[in-house]
Amino acid sequence: MSVSELACVYSALILHDAGVNITADKMATLVKAAGVSIEPIWTNLFARALAGKDIGALISNVGSGAAAAGAGAAAGGGAAAGGGGEAVEDKKEEKEEKKEESEEESDDDMGFGLFD
């Protein structure tokens, strides 16, 4: 990420945290106060991209967007094919089983425990 992008992201987060509407002018003021020089287009782009978005929801769902989109597509495709919803449930059960196995194996990897 470039310095310009980071400055815009941080200024948007500061404005959100303060409960202030995110506008290009307010972002530019914060960036200027931080001593960073950027082209005005960056603040305009970020302000337009974030207009009407729930920034709190974006922050709390970082990393889950791709997984949710994939699960939604699988569920949608399964519903269209008829009976595909069971395949999604099977995959979830398999993932849970793999997690349980990996937790049990983690102690055996070294051959000894921390307090042995």
PDB file of N, CA and C in Angstrom:
ATOM      1  N   MET A   1       0.837  -1.165   0.000  1.00  0.00           N
ATOM      2  CA  MET A   1       0.000   0.000   0.000  1.00  0.00           C
ATOM      3  C   MET A   1       0.891   1.239   0.000  1.00  0.00           C
ATOM      4  N   SER A   2       0.496   2.241  -0.741  1.00  0.00           N
ATOM      5  CA  SER A   2       1.287   3.460  -0.816  1.00  0.00           C
ATOM      6  C   SER A   2       1.028   4.348   0.395  1.00  0.00           C
ATOM      7  N   VAL A   3       1.866   5.347   0.560  1.00  0.00           N
ATOM      8  CA  VAL A   3       1.721   6.287   1.671  1.00  0.00           C
ATOM      9  C   VAL A   3       0.387   7.034   1.550  1.00  0.00           C
ATOM     10  N   SER A   4       0.002   7.367   0.335  1.00  0.00           N
ATOM     11  CA  SER A   4      -1.255   8.080   0.112  1.00  0.00           C
ATOM     12  C   SER A   4      -2.452   7.248   0.556  1.00  0.00           C
ATOM     13  N   GLU A   5      -2.431   5.966   0.205  1.00  0.00           N
ATOM     14  CA  GLU A   5      -3.527   5.078   0.587  1.00  0.00           C
ATOM     15  C   GLU A   5      -3.586   4.910   2.101  1.00  0.00           C
ATOM     16  N   LEU A   6      -2.435   4.712   2.710  1.00  0.00           N
ATOM     17  CA  LEU A   6      -2.403   4.549   4.162  1.00  0.00           C
ATOM     18  C   LEU A   6      -2.888   5.806   4.878  1.00  0.00           C
ATOM     19  N   ALA A   7      -2.482   6.957   4.387  1.00  0.00           N
ATOM     20  CA  ALA A   7      -2.921   8.214   4.999  1.00  0.00           C
ATOM     21  C   ALA A   7      -4.440   8.343   4.922  1.00  0.00           C
ATOM     22  N   CYS A   8      -5.019   7.963   3.799  1.00  0.00           N
ATOM     23  CA  CYS A   8      -6.479   8.042   3.644  1.00  0.00           C
ATOM     24  C   CYS A   8      -7.189   7.031   4.542  1.00  0.00           C
ATOM     25  N   VAL A   9      -6.646   5.841   4.633  1.00  0.00           N
ATOM     26  CA  VAL A   9      -7.254   4.814   5.479  1.00  0.00           C
ATOM     27  C   VAL A   9      -7.229   5.254   6.936  1.00  0.00           C
ATOM     28  N   TYR A  10      -6.074   5.718   7.389  1.00  0.00           N
ATOM     29  CA  TYR A  10      -5.960   6.146   8.781  1.00  0.00           C
ATOM     30  C   TYR A  10      -6.848   7.349   9.076  1.00  0.00           C
ATOM     31  N   SER A  11      -6.918   8.289   8.150  1.00  0.00           N
ATOM     32  CA  SER A  11      -7.775   9.452   8.382  1.00  0.00           C
ATOM     33  C   SER A  11      -9.247   9.039   8.434  1.00  0.00           C
ATOM     34  N   ALA A  12      -9.647   8.093   7.596  1.00  0.00           N
ATOM     35  CA  ALA A  12     -11.028   7.611   7.619  1.00  0.00           C
ATOM     36  C   ALA A  12     -11.326   6.901   8.943  1.00  0.00           C
ATOM     37  N   LEU A  13     -10.371   6.126   9.431  1.00  0.00           N
ATOM     38  CA  LEU A  13     -10.560   5.445  10.716  1.00  0.00           C
ATOM     39  C   LEU A  13     -10.654   6.434  11.864  1.00  0.00           C
ATOM     40  N   ILE A  14      -9.840   7.484  11.820  1.00  0.00           N
ATOM     41  CA  ILE A  14      -9.892   8.509  12.866  1.00  0.00           C
ATOM     42  C   ILE A  14     -11.245   9.198  12.853  1.00  0.00           C
ATOM     43  N   LEU A  15     -11.722   9.574  11.672  1.00  0.00           N
ATOM     44  CA  LEU A  15     -13.023  10.230  11.569  1.00  0.00           C
ATOM     45  C   LEU A  15     -14.140   9.315  12.047  1.00  0.00           C
ATOM     46  N   HIS A  16     -14.070   8.051  11.694  1.00  0.00           N
ATOM     47  CA  HIS A  16     -15.088   7.099  12.139  1.00  0.00           C
ATOM     48  C   HIS A  16     -15.061   6.961  13.661  1.00  0.00           C
ATOM     49  N   ASP A  17     -13.879   6.860  14.215  1.00  0.00           N
ATOM     50  CA  ASP A  17     -13.739   6.706  15.657  1.00  0.00           C
ATOM     51  C   ASP A  17     -14.278   7.929  16.409  1.00  0.00           C
ATOM     52  N   ALA A  18     -14.116   9.106  15.804  1.00  0.00           N
ATOM     53  CA  ALA A  18     -14.614  10.342  16.413  1.00  0.00           C
ATOM     54  C   ALA A  18     -16.113  10.530  16.190  1.00  0.00           C
ATOM     55  N   GLY A  19     -16.710   9.685  15.353  1.00  0.00           N
ATOM     56  CA  GLY A  19     -18.140   9.787  15.080  1.00  0.00           C
ATOM     57  C   GLY A  19     -18.482  10.900  14.108  1.00  0.00           C
ATOM     58  N   VAL A  20     -17.520  11.296  13.291  1.00  0.00           N
ATOM     59  CA  VAL A  20     -17.696  12.378  12.327  1.00  0.00           C
ATOM     60  C   VAL A  20     -17.926  11.781  10.948  1.00  0.00           C
ATOM     61  N   ASN A  21     -18.764  12.435  10.149  1.00  0.00           N
ATOM     62  CA  ASN A  21     -18.987  11.971   8.774  1.00  0.00           C
ATOM     63  C   ASN A  21     -17.677  12.031   7.992  1.00  0.00           C
ATOM     64  N   ILE A  22     -17.453  11.035   7.170  1.00  0.00           N
ATOM     65  CA  ILE A  22     -16.223  10.957   6.391  1.00  0.00           C
ATOM     66  C   ILE A  22     -16.421  11.688   5.070  1.00  0.00           C
ATOM     67  N   THR A  23     -15.718  12.809   4.932  1.00  0.00           N
ATOM     68  CA  THR A  23     -15.744  13.584   3.695  1.00  0.00           C
ATOM     69  C   THR A  23     -14.316  13.797   3.221  1.00  0.00           C
ATOM     70  N   ALA A  24     -14.178  14.155   1.954  1.00  0.00           N
ATOM     71  CA  ALA A  24     -12.857  14.383   1.378  1.00  0.00           C
ATOM     72  C   ALA A  24     -12.157  15.560   2.060  1.00  0.00           C
ATOM     73  N   ASP A  25     -12.917  16.609   2.388  1.00  0.00           N
ATOM     74  CA  ASP A  25     -12.315  17.782   3.031  1.00  0.00           C
ATOM     75  C   ASP A  25     -11.774  17.452   4.416  1.00  0.00           C
ATOM     76  N   LYS A  26     -12.538  16.697   5.183  1.00  0.00           N
ATOM     77  CA  LYS A  26     -12.097  16.339   6.537  1.00  0.00           C
ATOM     78  C   LYS A  26     -10.904  15.397   6.497  1.00  0.00           C
ATOM     79  N   MET A  27     -10.914  14.485   5.531  1.00  0.00           N
ATOM     80  CA  MET A  27      -9.773  13.592   5.382  1.00  0.00           C
ATOM     81  C   MET A  27      -8.530  14.379   4.987  1.00  0.00           C
ATOM     82  N   ALA A  28      -8.684  15.334   4.067  1.00  0.00           N
ATOM     83  CA  ALA A  28      -7.549  16.144   3.623  1.00  0.00           C
ATOM     84  C   ALA A  28      -6.996  16.971   4.780  1.00  0.00           C
ATOM     85  N   THR A  29      -7.874  17.477   5.635  1.00  0.00           N
ATOM     86  CA  THR A  29      -7.428  18.251   6.789  1.00  0.00           C
ATOM     87  C   THR A  29      -6.598  17.386   7.733  1.00  0.00           C
ATOM     88  N   LEU A  30      -7.059  16.172   7.991  1.00  0.00           N
ATOM     89  CA  LEU A  30      -6.313  15.274   8.869  1.00  0.00           C
ATOM     90  C   LEU A  30      -4.959  14.883   8.265  1.00  0.00           C
ATOM     91  N   VAL A  31      -4.961  14.603   6.981  1.00  0.00           N
ATOM     92  CA  VAL A  31      -3.719  14.202   6.313  1.00  0.00           C
ATOM     93  C   VAL A  31      -2.722  15.358   6.334  1.00  0.00           C
ATOM     94  N   LYS A  32      -3.209  16.570   6.093  1.00  0.00           N
ATOM     95  CA  LYS A  32      -2.339  17.747   6.121  1.00  0.00           C
ATOM     96  C   LYS A  32      -1.797  17.975   7.527  1.00  0.00           C
ATOM     97  N   ALA A  33      -2.641  17.796   8.545  1.00  0.00           N
ATOM     98  CA  ALA A  33      -2.207  17.967   9.937  1.00  0.00           C
ATOM     99  C   ALA A  33      -1.153  16.933  10.315  1.00  0.00           C
ATOM    100  N   ALA A  34      -1.182  15.773   9.677  1.00  0.00           N
ATOM    101  CA  ALA A  34      -0.199  14.726   9.952  1.00  0.00           C
ATOM    102  C   ALA A  34       1.117  14.983   9.235  1.00  0.00           C
ATOM    103  N   GLY A  35       1.132  15.981   8.347  1.00  0.00           N
ATOM    104  CA  GLY A  35       2.359  16.305   7.642  1.00  0.00           C
ATOM    105  C   GLY A  35       2.623  15.423   6.445  1.00  0.00           C
ATOM    106  N   VAL A  36       1.587  14.809   5.920  1.00  0.00           N
ATOM    107  CA  VAL A  36       1.735  13.938   4.753  1.00  0.00           C
ATOM    108  C   VAL A  36       1.192  14.681   3.539  1.00  0.00           C
ATOM    109  N   SER A  37       1.940  14.677   2.460  1.00  0.00           N
ATOM    110  CA  SER A  37       1.459  15.337   1.243  1.00  0.00           C
ATOM    111  C   SER A  37       0.988  14.268   0.258  1.00  0.00           C
ATOM    112  N   ILE A  38      -0.275  14.377  -0.118  1.00  0.00           N
ATOM    113  CA  ILE A  38      -0.873  13.437  -1.069  1.00  0.00           C
ATOM    114  C   ILE A  38      -1.640  14.222  -2.124  1.00  0.00           C
ATOM    115  N   GLU A  39      -1.957  13.562  -3.206  1.00  0.00           N
ATOM    116  CA  GLU A  39      -2.768  14.190  -4.239  1.00  0.00           C
ATOM    117  C   GLU A  39      -4.224  14.208  -3.779  1.00  0.00           C
ATOM    118  N   PRO A  40      -4.958  15.258  -4.090  1.00  0.00           N
ATOM    119  CA  PRO A  40      -6.352  15.386  -3.635  1.00  0.00           C
ATOM    120  C   PRO A  40      -7.279  14.278  -4.137  1.00  0.00           C
ATOM    121  N   ILE A  41      -6.907  13.630  -5.217  1.00  0.00           N
ATOM    122  CA  ILE A  41      -7.762  12.577  -5.767  1.00  0.00           C
ATOM    123  C   ILE A  41      -7.951  11.438  -4.774  1.00  0.00           C
ATOM    124  N   TRP A  42      -6.931  11.159  -3.953  1.00  0.00           N
ATOM    125  CA  TRP A  42      -7.007  10.048  -3.010  1.00  0.00           C
ATOM    126  C   TRP A  42      -8.119  10.260  -1.987  1.00  0.00           C
ATOM    127  N   THR A  43      -8.204  11.450  -1.430  1.00  0.00           N
ATOM    128  CA  THR A  43      -9.250  11.696  -0.424  1.00  0.00           C
ATOM    129  C   THR A  43     -10.629  11.627  -1.067  1.00  0.00           C
ATOM    130  N   ASN A  44     -10.744  12.120  -2.298  1.00  0.00           N
ATOM    131  CA  ASN A  44     -12.027  12.044  -3.004  1.00  0.00           C
ATOM    132  C   ASN A  44     -12.425  10.592  -3.261  1.00  0.00           C
ATOM    133  N   LEU A  45     -11.470   9.776  -3.692  1.00  0.00           N
ATOM    134  CA  LEU A  45     -11.766   8.370  -3.971  1.00  0.00           C
ATOM    135  C   LEU A  45     -12.213   7.631  -2.709  1.00  0.00           C
ATOM    136  N   PHE A  46     -11.468   7.831  -1.635  1.00  0.00           N
ATOM    137  CA  PHE A  46     -11.805   7.132  -0.403  1.00  0.00           C
ATOM    138  C   PHE A  46     -13.130   7.618   0.176  1.00  0.00           C
ATOM    139  N   ALA A  47     -13.375   8.922   0.119  1.00  0.00           N
ATOM    140  CA  ALA A  47     -14.633   9.457   0.644  1.00  0.00           C
ATOM    141  C   ALA A  47     -15.821   8.909  -0.138  1.00  0.00           C
ATOM    142  N   ARG A  48     -15.692   8.831  -1.446  1.00  0.00           N
ATOM    143  CA  ARG A  48     -16.785   8.289  -2.272  1.00  0.00           C
ATOM    144  C   ARG A  48     -16.967   6.789  -2.044  1.00  0.00           C
ATOM    145  N   ALA A  49     -15.857   6.082  -1.871  1.00  0.00           N
ATOM    146  CA  ALA A  49     -15.943   4.635  -1.656  1.00  0.00           C
ATOM    147  C   ALA A  49     -16.592   4.310  -0.310  1.00  0.00           C
ATOM    148  N   LEU A  50     -16.373   5.163   0.678  1.00  0.00           N
ATOM    149  CA  LEU A  50     -16.899   4.896   2.020  1.00  0.00           C
ATOM    150  C   LEU A  50     -18.247   5.556   2.282  1.00  0.00           C
ATOM    151  N   ALA A  51     -18.740   6.335   1.341  1.00  0.00           N
ATOM    152  CA  ALA A  51     -20.017   7.025   1.517  1.00  0.00           C
ATOM    153  C   ALA A  51     -21.146   6.013   1.686  1.00  0.00           C
ATOM    154  N   GLY A  52     -21.881   6.149   2.765  1.00  0.00           N
ATOM    155  CA  GLY A  52     -23.022   5.281   3.018  1.00  0.00           C
ATOM    156  C   GLY A  52     -22.675   3.897   3.536  1.00  0.00           C
ATOM    157  N   LYS A  53     -21.412   3.629   3.776  1.00  0.00           N
ATOM    158  CA  LYS A  53     -20.990   2.315   4.276  1.00  0.00           C
ATOM    159  C   LYS A  53     -20.913   2.341   5.804  1.00  0.00           C
ATOM    160  N   ASP A  54     -21.173   1.207   6.403  1.00  0.00           N
ATOM    161  CA  ASP A  54     -21.033   1.056   7.846  1.00  0.00           C
ATOM    162  C   ASP A  54     -19.592   0.644   8.132  1.00  0.00           C
ATOM    163  N   ILE A  55     -18.776   1.614   8.512  1.00  0.00           N
ATOM    164  CA  ILE A  55     -17.351   1.373   8.716  1.00  0.00           C
ATOM    165  C   ILE A  55     -17.133   0.379   9.853  1.00  0.00           C
ATOM    166  N   GLY A  56     -17.945   0.454  10.887  1.00  0.00           N
ATOM    167  CA  GLY A  56     -17.831  -0.491  12.004  1.00  0.00           C
ATOM    168  C   GLY A  56     -18.022  -1.928  11.554  1.00  0.00           C
ATOM    169  N   ALA A  57     -18.976  -2.147  10.664  1.00  0.00           N
ATOM    170  CA  ALA A  57     -19.209  -3.499  10.144  1.00  0.00           C
ATOM    171  C   ALA A  57     -18.047  -3.948   9.265  1.00  0.00           C
ATOM    172  N   LEU A  58     -17.480  -3.020   8.491  1.00  0.00           N
ATOM    173  CA  LEU A  58     -16.333  -3.372   7.656  1.00  0.00           C
ATOM    174  C   LEU A  58     -15.138  -3.782   8.508  1.00  0.00           C
ATOM    175  N   ILE A  59     -14.934  -3.058   9.600  1.00  0.00           N
ATOM    176  CA  ILE A  59     -13.804  -3.361  10.476  1.00  0.00           C
ATOM    177  C   ILE A  59     -13.990  -4.707  11.166  1.00  0.00           C
ATOM    178  N   SER A  60     -15.194  -4.972  11.638  1.00  0.00           N
ATOM    179  CA  SER A  60     -15.422  -6.212  12.386  1.00  0.00           C
ATOM    180  C   SER A  60     -15.494  -7.446  11.492  1.00  0.00           C
ATOM    181  N   ASN A  61     -15.668  -7.263  10.195  1.00  0.00           N
ATOM    182  CA  ASN A  61     -15.772  -8.405   9.283  1.00  0.00           C
ATOM    183  C   ASN A  61     -14.556  -8.555   8.384  1.00  0.00           C
ATOM    184  N   VAL A  62     -13.430  -8.035   8.804  1.00  0.00           N
ATOM    185  CA  VAL A  62     -12.215  -8.139   8.003  1.00  0.00           C
ATOM    186  C   VAL A  62     -11.840  -9.609   7.857  1.00  0.00           C
ATOM    187  N   GLY A  63     -11.599 -10.053   6.665  1.00  0.00           N
ATOM    188  CA  GLY A  63     -11.190 -11.430   6.415  1.00  0.00           C
ATOM    189  C   GLY A  63     -12.334 -12.404   6.266  1.00  0.00           C
ATOM    190  N   SER A  64     -13.527 -12.026   6.651  1.00  0.00           N
ATOM    191  CA  SER A  64     -14.633 -12.967   6.535  1.00  0.00           C
ATOM    192  C   SER A  64     -15.425 -12.743   5.254  1.00  0.00           C
ATOM    193  N   GLY A  65     -15.109 -11.730   4.494  1.00  0.00           N
ATOM    194  CA  GLY A  65     -15.847 -11.433   3.273  1.00  0.00           C
ATOM    195  C   GLY A  65     -15.718 -12.519   2.229  1.00  0.00           C
ATOM    196  N   ALA A  66     -14.540 -13.013   2.013  1.00  0.00           N
ATOM    197  CA  ALA A  66     -14.336 -14.042   0.998  1.00  0.00           C
ATOM    198  C   ALA A  66     -14.992 -15.349   1.405  1.00  0.00           C
ATOM    199  N   ALA A  67     -14.891 -15.697   2.669  1.00  0.00           N
ATOM    200  CA  ALA A  67     -15.493 -16.931   3.154  1.00  0.00           C
ATOM    201  C   ALA A  67     -17.010 -16.840   3.093  1.00  0.00           C
ATOM    202  N   ALA A  68     -17.556 -15.693   3.456  1.00  0.00           N
ATOM    203  CA  ALA A  68     -19.002 -15.525   3.414  1.00  0.00           C
ATOM    204  C   ALA A  68     -19.505 -15.543   1.977  1.00  0.00           C
ATOM    205  N   ALA A  69     -18.758 -14.941   1.062  1.00  0.00           N
ATOM    206  CA  ALA A  69     -19.172 -14.928  -0.340  1.00  0.00           C
ATOM    207  C   ALA A  69     -19.127 -16.343  -0.910  1.00  0.00           C
ATOM    208  N   GLY A  70     -18.109 -17.097  -0.563  1.00  0.00           N
ATOM    209  CA  GLY A  70     -17.996 -18.471  -1.050  1.00  0.00           C
ATOM    210  C   GLY A  70     -19.102 -19.349  -0.498  1.00  0.00           C
ATOM    211  N   ALA A  71     -19.416 -19.187   0.768  1.00  0.00           N
ATOM    212  CA  ALA A  71     -20.483 -19.975   1.380  1.00  0.00           C
ATOM    213  C   ALA A  71     -21.830 -19.587   0.789  1.00  0.00           C
ATOM    214  N   GLY A  72     -22.019 -18.290   0.537  1.00  0.00           N
ATOM    215  CA  GLY A  72     -23.271 -17.839  -0.067  1.00  0.00           C
ATOM    216  C   GLY A  72     -23.430 -18.372  -1.472  1.00  0.00           C
ATOM    217  N   ALA A  73     -22.354 -18.384  -2.224  1.00  0.00           N
ATOM    218  CA  ALA A  73     -22.409 -18.907  -3.591  1.00  0.00           C
ATOM    219  C   ALA A  73     -22.668 -20.405  -3.572  1.00  0.00           C
ATOM    220  N   ALA A  74     -22.051 -21.117  -2.645  1.00  0.00           N
ATOM    221  CA  ALA A  74     -22.265 -22.560  -2.556  1.00  0.00           C
ATOM    222  C   ALA A  74     -23.702 -22.864  -2.149  1.00  0.00           C
ATOM    223  N   ALA A  75     -24.213 -22.103  -1.214  1.00  0.00           N
ATOM    224  CA  ALA A  75     -25.588 -22.324  -0.766  1.00  0.00           C
ATOM    225  C   ALA A  75     -26.563 -21.964  -1.883  1.00  0.00           C
ATOM    226  N   GLY A  76     -26.284 -20.862  -2.606  1.00  0.00           N
ATOM    227  CA  GLY A  76     -27.153 -20.458  -3.703  1.00  0.00           C
ATOM    228  C   GLY A  76     -27.130 -21.486  -4.820  1.00  0.00           C
ATOM    229  N   GLY A  77     -25.961 -21.981  -5.142  1.00  0.00           N
ATOM    230  CA  GLY A  77     -25.836 -22.989  -6.196  1.00  0.00           C
ATOM    231  C   GLY A  77     -26.481 -24.293  -5.782  1.00  0.00           C
ATOM    232  N   GLY A  78     -26.374 -24.635  -4.512  1.00  0.00           N
ATOM    233  CA  GLY A  78     -26.970 -25.864  -4.011  1.00  0.00           C
ATOM    234  C   GLY A  78     -28.480 -25.784  -4.036  1.00  0.00           C
ATOM    235  N   ALA A  79     -29.006 -24.625  -3.734  1.00  0.00           N
ATOM    236  CA  ALA A  79     -30.456 -24.467  -3.744  1.00  0.00           C
ATOM    237  C   ALA A  79     -30.985 -24.569  -5.169  1.00  0.00           C
ATOM    238  N   ALA A  80     -30.220 -24.045  -6.119  1.00  0.00           N
ATOM    239  CA  ALA A  80     -30.662 -24.110  -7.511  1.00  0.00           C
ATOM    240  C   ALA A  80     -30.599 -25.546  -8.022  1.00  0.00           C
ATOM    241  N   ALA A  81     -29.599 -26.301  -7.583  1.00  0.00           N
ATOM    242  CA  ALA A  81     -29.458 -27.675  -8.043  1.00  0.00           C
ATOM    243  C   ALA A  81     -30.419 -28.602  -7.303  1.00  0.00           C
ATOM    244  N   GLY A  82     -30.848 -28.185  -6.133  1.00  0.00           N
ATOM    245  CA  GLY A  82     -31.765 -29.007  -5.346  1.00  0.00           C
ATOM    246  C   GLY A  82     -31.011 -30.014  -4.518  1.00  0.00           C
ATOM    247  N   GLY A  83     -31.052 -29.876  -3.211  1.00  0.00           N
ATOM    248  CA  GLY A  83     -30.406 -30.823  -2.325  1.00  0.00           C
ATOM    249  C   GLY A  83     -28.937 -30.539  -2.116  1.00  0.00           C
ATOM    250  N   GLY A  84     -28.425 -29.444  -2.608  1.00  0.00           N
ATOM    251  CA  GLY A  84     -27.018 -29.106  -2.451  1.00  0.00           C
ATOM    252  C   GLY A  84     -26.708 -28.562  -1.074  1.00  0.00           C
ATOM    253  N   GLY A  85     -27.710 -28.194  -0.320  1.00  0.00           N
ATOM    254  CA  GLY A  85     -27.498 -27.660   1.019  1.00  0.00           C
ATOM    255  C   GLY A  85     -26.863 -28.682   1.935  1.00  0.00           C
ATOM    256  N   GLU A  86     -27.119 -29.964   1.684  1.00  0.00           N
ATOM    257  CA  GLU A  86     -26.524 -31.023   2.507  1.00  0.00           C
ATOM    258  C   GLU A  86     -25.015 -31.069   2.312  1.00  0.00           C
ATOM    259  N   ALA A  87     -24.549 -30.769   1.116  1.00  0.00           N
ATOM    260  CA  ALA A  87     -23.112 -30.785   0.840  1.00  0.00           C
ATOM    261  C   ALA A  87     -22.405 -29.709   1.646  1.00  0.00           C
ATOM    262  N   VAL A  88     -23.049 -28.547   1.796  1.00  0.00           N
ATOM    263  CA  VAL A  88     -22.462 -27.466   2.575  1.00  0.00           C
ATOM    264  C   VAL A  88     -22.354 -27.886   4.038  1.00  0.00           C
ATOM    265  N   GLU A  89     -23.395 -28.539   4.553  1.00  0.00           N
ATOM    266  CA  GLU A  89     -23.372 -29.002   5.941  1.00  0.00           C
ATOM    267  C   GLU A  89     -22.295 -30.058   6.145  1.00  0.00           C
ATOM    268  N   ASP A  90     -22.119 -30.943   5.163  1.00  0.00           N
ATOM    269  CA  ASP A  90     -21.075 -31.968   5.260  1.00  0.00           C
ATOM    270  C   ASP A  90     -19.695 -31.337   5.326  1.00  0.00           C
ATOM    271  N   LYS A  91     -19.473 -30.301   4.531  1.00  0.00           N
ATOM    272  CA  LYS A  91     -18.179 -29.629   4.531  1.00  0.00           C
ATOM    273  C   LYS A  91     -17.903 -28.994   5.888  1.00  0.00           C
ATOM    274  N   LYS A  92     -18.935 -28.410   6.495  1.00  0.00           N
ATOM    275  CA  LYS A  92     -18.761 -27.800   7.812  1.00  0.00           C
ATOM    276  C   LYS A  92     -18.384 -28.845   8.851  1.00  0.00           C
ATOM    277  N   GLU A  93     -19.036 -30.013   8.780  1.00  0.00           N
ATOM    278  CA  GLU A  93     -18.727 -31.082   9.725  1.00  0.00           C
ATOM    279  C   GLU A  93     -17.304 -31.578   9.539  1.00  0.00           C
ATOM    280  N   GLU A  94     -16.860 -31.676   8.281  1.00  0.00           N
ATOM    281  CA  GLU A  94     -15.498 -32.117   8.007  1.00  0.00           C
ATOM    282  C   GLU A  94     -14.485 -31.129   8.569  1.00  0.00           C
ATOM    283  N   LYS A  95     -14.755 -29.848   8.429  1.00  0.00           N
ATOM    284  CA  LYS A  95     -13.847 -28.831   8.947  1.00  0.00           C
ATOM    285  C   LYS A  95     -13.754 -28.914  10.464  1.00  0.00           C
ATOM    286  N   GLU A  96     -14.893 -29.146  11.127  1.00  0.00           N
ATOM    287  CA  GLU A  96     -14.894 -29.260  12.583  1.00  0.00           C
ATOM    288  C   GLU A  96     -14.077 -30.470  13.024  1.00  0.00           C
ATOM    289  N   GLU A  97     -14.211 -31.581  12.301  1.00  0.00           N
ATOM    290  CA  GLU A  97     -13.450 -32.781  12.640  1.00  0.00           C
ATOM    291  C   GLU A  97     -11.960 -32.537  12.466  1.00  0.00           C
ATOM    292  N   LYS A  98     -11.575 -31.841  11.397  1.00  0.00           N
ATOM    293  CA  LYS A  98     -10.167 -31.553  11.153  1.00  0.00           C
ATOM    294  C   LYS A  98      -9.602 -30.671  12.251  1.00  0.00           C
ATOM    295  N   LYS A  99     -10.385 -29.687  12.719  1.00  0.00           N
ATOM    296  CA  LYS A  99      -9.920 -28.816  13.789  1.00  0.00           C
ATOM    297  C   LYS A  99      -9.681 -29.608  15.064  1.00  0.00           C
ATOM    298  N   GLU A 100     -10.594 -30.528  15.386  1.00  0.00           N
ATOM    299  CA  GLU A 100     -10.448 -31.341  16.592  1.00  0.00           C
ATOM    300  C   GLU A 100      -9.201 -32.215  16.497  1.00  0.00           C
ATOM    301  N   GLU A 101      -8.954 -32.800  15.338  1.00  0.00           N
ATOM    302  CA  GLU A 101      -7.783 -33.645  15.154  1.00  0.00           C
ATOM    303  C   GLU A 101      -6.500 -32.838  15.297  1.00  0.00           C
ATOM    304  N   SER A 102      -6.476 -31.644  14.726  1.00  0.00           N
ATOM    305  CA  SER A 102      -5.255 -30.837  14.771  1.00  0.00           C
ATOM    306  C   SER A 102      -4.947 -30.401  16.200  1.00  0.00           C
ATOM    307  N   GLU A 103      -5.950 -30.152  17.021  1.00  0.00           N
ATOM    308  CA  GLU A 103      -5.727 -29.777  18.412  1.00  0.00           C
ATOM    309  C   GLU A 103      -5.124 -30.940  19.191  1.00  0.00           C
ATOM    310  N   GLU A 104      -5.591 -32.147  18.937  1.00  0.00           N
ATOM    311  CA  GLU A 104      -5.071 -33.316  19.636  1.00  0.00           C
ATOM    312  C   GLU A 104      -3.636 -33.607  19.213  1.00  0.00           C
ATOM    313  N   GLU A 105      -3.330 -33.437  17.940  1.00  0.00           N
ATOM    314  CA  GLU A 105      -2.006 -33.745  17.415  1.00  0.00           C
ATOM    315  C   GLU A 105      -0.969 -32.706  17.823  1.00  0.00           C
ATOM    316  N   SER A 106      -1.394 -31.519  18.151  1.00  0.00           N
ATOM    317  CA  SER A 106      -0.430 -30.461  18.436  1.00  0.00           C
ATOM    318  C   SER A 106       0.434 -30.789  19.648  1.00  0.00           C
ATOM    319  N   ASP A 107      -0.080 -31.510  20.643  1.00  0.00           N
ATOM    320  CA  ASP A 107       0.704 -31.879  21.812  1.00  0.00           C
ATOM    321  C   ASP A 107       1.695 -32.990  21.496  1.00  0.00           C
ATOM    322  N   ASP A 108       1.376 -33.829  20.546  1.00  0.00           N
ATOM    323  CA  ASP A 108       2.220 -34.971  20.227  1.00  0.00           C
ATOM    324  C   ASP A 108       3.335 -34.626  19.239  1.00  0.00           C
ATOM    325  N   ASP A 109       3.307 -33.470  18.635  1.00  0.00           N
ATOM    326  CA  ASP A 109       4.276 -33.120  17.608  1.00  0.00           C
ATOM    327  C   ASP A 109       5.708 -33.137  18.138  1.00  0.00           C
ATOM    328  N   MET A 110       5.931 -32.625  19.321  1.00  0.00           N
ATOM    329  CA  MET A 110       7.286 -32.508  19.860  1.00  0.00           C
ATOM    330  C   MET A 110       7.710 -33.760  20.642  1.00  0.00           C
ATOM    331  N   GLY A 111       6.788 -34.563  21.052  1.00  0.00           N
ATOM    332  CA  GLY A 111       7.134 -35.761  21.796  1.00  0.00           C
ATOM    333  C   GLY A 111       7.236 -35.516  23.291  1.00  0.00           C
ATOM    334  N   PHE A 112       7.084 -34.288  23.715  1.00  0.00           N
ATOM    335  CA  PHE A 112       7.112 -33.975  25.140  1.00  0.00           C
ATOM    336  C   PHE A 112       6.251 -32.736  25.384  1.00  0.00           C
ATOM    337  N   GLY A 113       5.842 -32.575  26.607  1.00  0.00           N
ATOM    338  CA  GLY A 113       5.034 -31.431  26.972  1.00  0.00           C
ATOM    339  C   GLY A 113       5.886 -30.329  27.579  1.00  0.00           C
ATOM    340  N   LEU A 114       5.310 -29.225  27.842  1.00  0.00           N
ATOM    341  CA  LEU A 114       6.019 -28.086  28.389  1.00  0.00           C
ATOM    342  C   LEU A 114       6.515 -28.372  29.800  1.00  0.00           C
ATOM    343  N   PHE A 115       5.754 -29.139  30.597  1.00  0.00           N
ATOM    344  CA  PHE A 115       6.110 -29.354  32.003  1.00  0.00           C
ATOM    345  C   PHE A 115       6.532 -30.781  32.287  1.00  0.00           C
ATOM    346  N   ASP A 116       6.959 -31.545  31.294  1.00  0.00           N
ATOM    347  CA  ASP A 116       7.391 -32.921  31.515  1.00  0.00           C
ATOM    348  C   ASP A 116       8.809 -32.979  32.032  1.00  0.00           C
TER     349      ASP A 116
END
